[in-house]
Protein backbone atom coordinates (compact mmCIF):
# COMPACT_ATOMS: atom_id res chain seq x y z
CA UNK A 1 0.38 -0.05 -0.05
CA UNK A 2 1.60 3.16 -0.57
CA UNK A 3 1.51 6.19 1.93
CA UNK A 4 -0.82 8.06 0.40
CA UNK A 5 -3.26 5.11 1.69
CA UNK A 6 -2.09 5.26 5.08
CA UNK A 7 -2.70 9.21 5.76
CA UNK A 8 -6.35 8.22 6.60
CA UNK A 9 -5.14 5.69 9.18
CA UNK A 10 -3.87 8.64 11.48
CA UNK A 11 -7.81 9.56 11.33
CA UNK A 12 -8.27 5.91 12.94
CA UNK A 13 -6.36 6.22 15.60
CA UNK A 14 -8.31 5.99 18.95
CA UNK A 15 -9.27 9.39 19.92
CA UNK A 16 -9.51 8.29 23.56
CA UNK A 17 -5.81 7.35 24.11
CA UNK A 18 -4.64 9.35 21.50
CA UNK A 19 -5.19 12.98 23.40
CA UNK A 20 -1.68 13.78 24.90
CA UNK A 21 -2.76 14.07 28.55
CA UNK A 22 -4.53 10.98 28.23
CA UNK A 23 -2.10 9.21 26.83
CA UNK A 24 0.20 10.63 29.31
CA UNK A 25 -2.12 8.88 31.94
CA UNK A 26 -2.33 5.54 30.50
CA UNK A 27 1.22 5.82 30.07
CA UNK A 28 1.77 6.30 33.93
CA UNK A 29 -1.02 4.28 34.83
CA UNK A 30 0.71 0.95 32.97
CA UNK A 31 3.79 0.96 34.89
CA UNK A 32 2.37 1.24 37.84
CA UNK A 33 0.21 -1.24 39.77
CA UNK A 34 -2.21 1.67 41.28
CA UNK A 35 -1.72 5.76 41.23
CA UNK A 36 -2.62 8.34 43.84
CA UNK A 37 -4.45 11.10 42.00
CA UNK A 38 -2.49 13.94 43.63
CA UNK A 39 0.97 12.00 42.10
CA UNK A 40 -0.76 11.72 38.73
CA UNK A 41 -1.48 15.88 38.99
CA UNK A 42 2.18 16.68 40.50
CA UNK A 43 3.69 14.01 37.31
CA UNK A 44 1.10 15.52 34.28
CA UNK A 45 1.39 19.28 35.46
CA UNK A 46 -2.34 19.26 34.87
CA UNK A 47 -4.76 21.37 37.16
CA UNK A 48 -7.24 19.21 39.50
CA UNK A 49 -10.27 19.59 37.15
CA UNK A 50 -8.34 19.05 34.12
CA UNK A 51 -6.69 15.62 35.37
CA UNK A 52 -10.52 14.92 36.72
CA UNK A 53 -12.27 15.45 33.41
CA UNK A 54 -9.54 13.26 31.26
CA UNK A 55 -9.94 10.48 34.16
CA UNK A 56 -14.04 10.51 33.98
CA UNK A 57 -13.21 9.88 30.29
CA UNK A 58 -11.10 6.88 30.64
CA UNK A 59 -13.24 5.76 33.26
CA UNK A 60 -16.42 5.88 31.00
CA UNK A 61 -14.38 3.95 28.35
CA UNK A 62 -13.20 1.28 30.53
CA UNK A 63 -9.60 2.07 30.22
CA UNK A 64 -9.20 3.03 33.91
CA UNK A 65 -10.72 2.07 37.46
CA UNK A 66 -11.06 5.05 39.97
CA UNK A 67 -11.03 3.94 43.58
CA UNK A 68 -12.29 6.75 46.04
CA UNK A 69 -11.48 5.91 50.11
CA UNK A 70 -10.13 8.03 52.81
CA UNK A 71 -7.04 7.86 54.49
CA UNK A 72 -7.35 9.26 58.26
CA UNK A 73 -9.87 12.39 57.20
CA UNK A 74 -8.67 12.91 54.11
CA UNK A 75 -9.94 11.84 50.49
CA UNK A 76 -7.93 9.82 48.66
CA UNK A 77 -8.27 8.76 44.89
CA UNK A 78 -6.29 5.63 43.18
CA UNK A 79 -6.31 4.81 39.96
CA UNK A 80 -5.30 1.84 38.02
CA UNK A 81 -5.42 0.78 34.12
CA UNK A 82 -8.00 -1.83 33.30
CA UNK A 83 -7.14 -5.16 31.11
CA UNK A 84 -8.83 -3.06 28.53
CA UNK A 85 -6.78 -0.19 29.05
CA UNK A 86 -3.50 -2.03 28.46
CA UNK A 87 -5.01 -3.17 25.38
CA UNK A 88 -6.01 -0.30 23.92
CA UNK A 89 -2.73 1.04 24.82
CA UNK A 90 -0.95 -1.45 23.17
CA UNK A 91 -3.25 -1.48 19.88
CA UNK A 92 -2.65 2.31 20.24
CA UNK A 93 1.32 2.40 19.66
CA UNK A 94 1.02 -0.74 17.17
CA UNK A 95 -1.50 1.75 15.02
CA UNK A 96 0.74 5.26 15.65
CA UNK A 97 3.83 3.08 15.01
CA UNK A 98 2.68 1.33 11.42
CA UNK A 99 1.34 4.83 10.31
CA UNK A 100 4.79 6.64 11.44
CA UNK A 101 6.56 4.30 9.01
CA UNK A 102 4.39 4.41 6.06
CA UNK A 103 4.41 8.65 6.22
CA UNK A 104 6.67 9.52 4.03
CA UNK A 105 10.00 11.34 5.42
CA UNK A 106 9.50 15.30 5.21
CA UNK A 107 11.87 16.69 2.37
CA UNK A 108 12.34 13.26 0.77
CA UNK A 109 10.66 12.76 -2.68
CA UNK A 110 9.40 9.47 -3.37
CA UNK A 111 11.00 7.54 -6.80
CA UNK A 112 8.20 6.75 -9.14
CA UNK A 113 8.08 3.37 -10.33
């Protein structure tokens, strides 16, 4: 398949995962058993509201689990990637790698056959 026909595959990337903040969240969660909301807030640099919004979308999509409890008298929110989240992240990586391999290199003129 030639490169121009692969360009459309960029549009087929999983948009739930593709958004940079959500991709970062999934990448962090994929490398830990469980992560506290405050840790993700610090690592991502996102505001509480923005992080909460992205977490809600990932939770609604079944990619993360959110567990709320208390540590003493303080609220504690813990996040964990689900099996579906791990699969979505792996599928996204594979799709993105394929798209990147097939796209033409900027500045390089393809030879015509």
